[in-house]
C-alpha cells in the first residue's frame, strides 16, 4: 500500500509572522540577513510597504504584519532554536 495509515512527520515547520513595533518612517531594515542564514529558514518575505523611506504603522493584527519566515528542519530543536533567535532579534 502506497499511502500510510498514519501520516509520517518528515520535518518540523512553522510560519513566523514578522511584526513592526513602531509607527514612523523606515530608516533601516535590520537582521534580515541573519534570519535568512538561520539553519531552518526555508523562505522569507518582507512586504514592499515596509521598504526604506516608507511610512508604516505598528502591527496590530495578522493583516498588518510586515512579512513572514518559513522555518523547516528535520530536527525540531534546531527549528525552535532558530525561532527563539528570530524573537531575540
N, C-alpha and C. Protein backbone atom coordinates (compact mmCIF):
# COMPACT_ATOMS: atom_id res chain seq x y z
N UNK A 1 0.84 -1.18 0.00
CA UNK A 1 0.00 0.00 0.00
C UNK A 1 0.89 1.24 0.00
N UNK A 2 0.60 2.19 -0.85
CA UNK A 2 1.43 3.38 -1.01
C UNK A 2 1.12 4.47 0.00
N UNK A 3 -0.09 4.51 0.52
CA UNK A 3 -0.48 5.55 1.46
C UNK A 3 -0.46 4.95 2.87
N UNK A 4 0.33 5.54 3.77
CA UNK A 4 0.39 5.00 5.14
C UNK A 4 -0.93 5.24 5.89
N UNK A 5 -1.22 4.39 6.87
CA UNK A 5 -2.41 4.57 7.70
C UNK A 5 -2.34 5.87 8.49
N UNK A 6 -1.16 6.19 8.97
CA UNK A 6 -0.94 7.42 9.73
C UNK A 6 0.12 8.25 9.02
N UNK A 7 -0.05 9.56 8.96
CA UNK A 7 0.99 10.39 8.35
C UNK A 7 2.30 10.25 9.11
N UNK A 8 3.39 10.30 8.39
CA UNK A 8 4.71 10.22 8.99
C UNK A 8 5.36 11.60 8.87
N UNK A 9 5.70 12.19 10.00
CA UNK A 9 6.30 13.52 10.01
C UNK A 9 7.72 13.44 9.50
N UNK A 10 7.98 14.14 8.40
CA UNK A 10 9.31 14.16 7.80
C UNK A 10 10.17 15.29 8.39
N UNK A 11 9.53 16.42 8.63
CA UNK A 11 10.22 17.62 9.12
C UNK A 11 9.27 18.38 10.05
N UNK A 12 9.86 19.24 10.85
CA UNK A 12 9.07 20.16 11.65
C UNK A 12 9.06 21.50 10.94
N UNK A 13 7.97 22.25 11.07
CA UNK A 13 7.91 23.54 10.40
C UNK A 13 6.98 24.51 11.09
N UNK A 14 7.17 25.78 10.79
CA UNK A 14 6.29 26.83 11.31
C UNK A 14 6.41 28.06 10.43
N UNK A 15 5.40 28.89 10.51
CA UNK A 15 5.42 30.20 9.86
C UNK A 15 5.54 31.24 10.96
N UNK A 16 6.53 32.09 10.85
CA UNK A 16 6.75 33.16 11.82
C UNK A 16 6.33 34.47 11.15
N UNK A 17 5.34 35.15 11.71
CA UNK A 17 4.92 36.44 11.18
C UNK A 17 5.79 37.52 11.80
N UNK A 18 6.28 38.42 10.97
CA UNK A 18 7.16 39.49 11.43
C UNK A 18 6.32 40.71 11.80
N UNK A 19 6.60 41.29 12.95
CA UNK A 19 5.83 42.42 13.45
C UNK A 19 6.64 43.70 13.40
N UNK A 20 5.95 44.79 13.17
CA UNK A 20 6.53 46.13 13.24
C UNK A 20 6.08 46.71 14.58
N UNK A 21 7.03 47.15 15.40
CA UNK A 21 6.71 47.58 16.76
C UNK A 21 6.53 49.08 16.93
N UNK A 22 6.77 49.86 15.86
CA UNK A 22 6.66 51.32 15.98
C UNK A 22 6.00 51.92 14.75
N UNK A 23 5.42 53.10 14.92
CA UNK A 23 4.92 53.90 13.80
C UNK A 23 6.06 54.80 13.33
N UNK A 24 6.10 55.11 12.04
CA UNK A 24 7.08 56.08 11.55
C UNK A 24 7.62 55.74 10.18
N UNK A 25 8.73 56.37 9.83
CA UNK A 25 9.38 56.17 8.54
C UNK A 25 10.47 55.11 8.71
N UNK A 26 10.49 54.14 7.80
CA UNK A 26 11.50 53.09 7.84
C UNK A 26 12.85 53.70 7.47
N UNK A 27 13.79 53.65 8.41
CA UNK A 27 15.14 54.19 8.17
C UNK A 27 16.14 53.10 7.85
N UNK A 28 15.88 51.88 8.35
CA UNK A 28 16.78 50.74 8.12
C UNK A 28 15.98 49.46 8.31
N UNK A 29 16.46 48.41 7.68
CA UNK A 29 15.86 47.08 7.86
C UNK A 29 16.95 46.21 8.45
N UNK A 30 16.74 45.80 9.70
CA UNK A 30 17.76 45.07 10.44
C UNK A 30 17.48 43.57 10.47
N UNK A 31 18.53 42.81 10.53
CA UNK A 31 18.51 41.38 10.84
C UNK A 31 18.03 40.45 9.73
N UNK A 32 17.66 40.97 8.55
CA UNK A 32 17.12 40.08 7.52
C UNK A 32 18.16 39.05 7.07
N UNK A 33 19.42 39.47 6.92
CA UNK A 33 20.46 38.53 6.50
C UNK A 33 20.69 37.47 7.58
N UNK A 34 20.65 37.88 8.84
CA UNK A 34 20.81 36.91 9.94
C UNK A 34 19.69 35.88 9.90
N UNK A 35 18.45 36.34 9.69
CA UNK A 35 17.31 35.42 9.63
C UNK A 35 17.44 34.50 8.42
N UNK A 36 17.81 35.06 7.29
CA UNK A 36 17.96 34.28 6.06
C UNK A 36 19.00 33.17 6.21
N UNK A 37 20.02 33.41 7.03
CA UNK A 37 21.10 32.44 7.19
C UNK A 37 20.88 31.44 8.33
N UNK A 38 19.75 31.52 9.02
CA UNK A 38 19.46 30.53 10.05
C UNK A 38 19.31 29.16 9.40
N UNK A 39 19.70 28.14 10.11
CA UNK A 39 19.73 26.77 9.57
C UNK A 39 18.38 26.29 9.06
N UNK A 40 17.30 26.69 9.70
CA UNK A 40 15.99 26.17 9.32
C UNK A 40 15.16 27.13 8.46
N UNK A 41 15.71 28.30 8.10
CA UNK A 41 14.96 29.22 7.24
C UNK A 41 14.84 28.63 5.84
N UNK A 42 13.60 28.42 5.41
CA UNK A 42 13.36 27.88 4.07
C UNK A 42 13.06 29.01 3.09
N UNK A 43 12.25 29.98 3.51
CA UNK A 43 11.94 31.15 2.69
C UNK A 43 11.45 32.25 3.61
N UNK A 44 11.45 33.47 3.06
CA UNK A 44 11.01 34.61 3.86
C UNK A 44 10.63 35.75 2.94
N UNK A 45 9.81 36.66 3.47
CA UNK A 45 9.42 37.84 2.70
C UNK A 45 9.17 39.00 3.65
N UNK A 46 9.69 40.15 3.27
CA UNK A 46 9.34 41.41 3.91
C UNK A 46 8.47 42.13 2.89
N UNK A 47 7.28 42.54 3.28
CA UNK A 47 6.35 43.16 2.33
C UNK A 47 6.89 44.49 1.81
N UNK A 48 6.64 44.79 0.52
CA UNK A 48 7.15 46.02 -0.10
C UNK A 48 6.74 47.30 0.63
N UNK A 49 5.62 47.31 1.31
CA UNK A 49 5.17 48.50 2.05
C UNK A 49 6.15 48.88 3.15
N UNK A 50 7.03 47.95 3.53
CA UNK A 50 7.98 48.20 4.62
C UNK A 50 9.38 48.50 4.10
N UNK A 51 9.47 49.03 2.88
CA UNK A 51 10.76 49.41 2.30
C UNK A 51 11.29 50.69 2.95
N UNK A 52 12.59 50.86 2.88
CA UNK A 52 13.23 52.05 3.45
C UNK A 52 12.61 53.31 2.81
N UNK A 53 12.27 54.25 3.68
CA UNK A 53 11.67 55.51 3.23
C UNK A 53 10.15 55.54 3.33
N UNK A 54 9.54 54.38 3.45
CA UNK A 54 8.07 54.34 3.56
C UNK A 54 7.62 54.64 4.98
N UNK A 55 6.45 55.23 5.09
CA UNK A 55 5.82 55.46 6.40
C UNK A 55 4.98 54.25 6.73
N UNK A 56 5.17 53.71 7.94
CA UNK A 56 4.48 52.48 8.35
C UNK A 56 3.83 52.67 9.72
N UNK A 57 2.89 51.79 9.99
CA UNK A 57 2.23 51.75 11.31
C UNK A 57 2.62 50.44 11.99
N UNK A 58 2.57 50.47 13.32
CA UNK A 58 2.93 49.25 14.05
C UNK A 58 1.92 48.15 13.76
N UNK A 59 2.35 46.92 13.90
CA UNK A 59 1.50 45.76 13.66
C UNK A 59 0.43 45.68 14.75
N UNK A 60 -0.82 45.55 14.31
CA UNK A 60 -1.94 45.43 15.24
C UNK A 60 -2.58 44.04 15.19
N UNK A 61 -2.49 43.39 14.02
CA UNK A 61 -3.10 42.07 13.83
C UNK A 61 -2.41 41.40 12.64
N UNK A 62 -2.87 40.23 12.26
CA UNK A 62 -2.24 39.46 11.19
C UNK A 62 -2.25 40.21 9.85
N UNK A 63 -3.23 41.07 9.65
CA UNK A 63 -3.32 41.81 8.38
C UNK A 63 -2.35 42.98 8.31
N UNK A 64 -1.74 43.33 9.44
CA UNK A 64 -0.82 44.47 9.45
C UNK A 64 0.61 44.05 9.80
N UNK A 65 0.90 42.74 9.70
CA UNK A 65 2.29 42.32 9.93
C UNK A 65 3.15 42.79 8.77
N UNK A 66 4.47 42.69 8.91
CA UNK A 66 5.34 43.23 7.86
C UNK A 66 6.03 42.15 7.03
N UNK A 67 5.73 40.89 7.29
CA UNK A 67 6.30 39.82 6.50
C UNK A 67 6.22 38.50 7.23
N UNK A 68 6.94 37.51 6.70
CA UNK A 68 6.91 36.17 7.28
C UNK A 68 8.21 35.43 7.02
N UNK A 69 8.43 34.38 7.81
CA UNK A 69 9.56 33.48 7.63
C UNK A 69 9.02 32.06 7.75
N UNK A 70 9.38 31.20 6.79
CA UNK A 70 9.05 29.77 6.87
C UNK A 70 10.26 29.06 7.44
N UNK A 71 10.07 28.42 8.59
CA UNK A 71 11.13 27.61 9.20
C UNK A 71 10.78 26.15 9.00
N UNK A 72 11.73 25.36 8.49
CA UNK A 72 11.54 23.93 8.29
C UNK A 72 12.87 23.24 8.58
N UNK A 73 12.80 22.18 9.39
CA UNK A 73 14.02 21.41 9.66
C UNK A 73 13.63 20.01 10.13
N UNK A 74 14.48 19.05 9.84
CA UNK A 74 14.20 17.67 10.28
C UNK A 74 14.32 17.53 11.79
N UNK A 75 15.10 18.42 12.42
CA UNK A 75 15.29 18.40 13.86
C UNK A 75 14.47 19.54 14.49
N UNK A 76 13.43 19.18 15.24
CA UNK A 76 12.55 20.20 15.83
C UNK A 76 13.31 21.15 16.75
N UNK A 77 14.30 20.65 17.47
CA UNK A 77 15.07 21.50 18.38
C UNK A 77 15.82 22.59 17.61
N UNK A 78 16.36 22.25 16.46
CA UNK A 78 17.06 23.23 15.62
C UNK A 78 16.09 24.31 15.17
N UNK A 79 14.90 23.89 14.72
CA UNK A 79 13.89 24.84 14.28
C UNK A 79 13.48 25.76 15.44
N UNK A 80 13.27 25.21 16.61
CA UNK A 80 12.87 26.02 17.77
C UNK A 80 13.99 26.98 18.18
N UNK A 81 15.23 26.54 18.07
CA UNK A 81 16.38 27.41 18.37
C UNK A 81 16.37 28.61 17.42
N UNK A 82 16.10 28.36 16.15
CA UNK A 82 16.04 29.45 15.18
C UNK A 82 14.85 30.37 15.44
N UNK A 83 13.71 29.81 15.83
CA UNK A 83 12.54 30.61 16.18
C UNK A 83 12.86 31.55 17.35
N UNK A 84 13.50 31.01 18.36
CA UNK A 84 13.87 31.83 19.53
C UNK A 84 14.85 32.92 19.11
N UNK A 85 15.76 32.61 18.19
CA UNK A 85 16.70 33.63 17.70
C UNK A 85 15.96 34.75 16.98
N UNK A 86 14.95 34.41 16.17
CA UNK A 86 14.17 35.45 15.50
C UNK A 86 13.47 36.34 16.53
N UNK A 87 12.91 35.73 17.56
CA UNK A 87 12.25 36.52 18.62
C UNK A 87 13.26 37.42 19.33
N UNK A 88 14.47 36.94 19.53
CA UNK A 88 15.51 37.72 20.18
C UNK A 88 15.91 38.93 19.35
N UNK A 89 15.94 38.75 18.03
CA UNK A 89 16.36 39.84 17.15
C UNK A 89 15.32 40.95 17.17
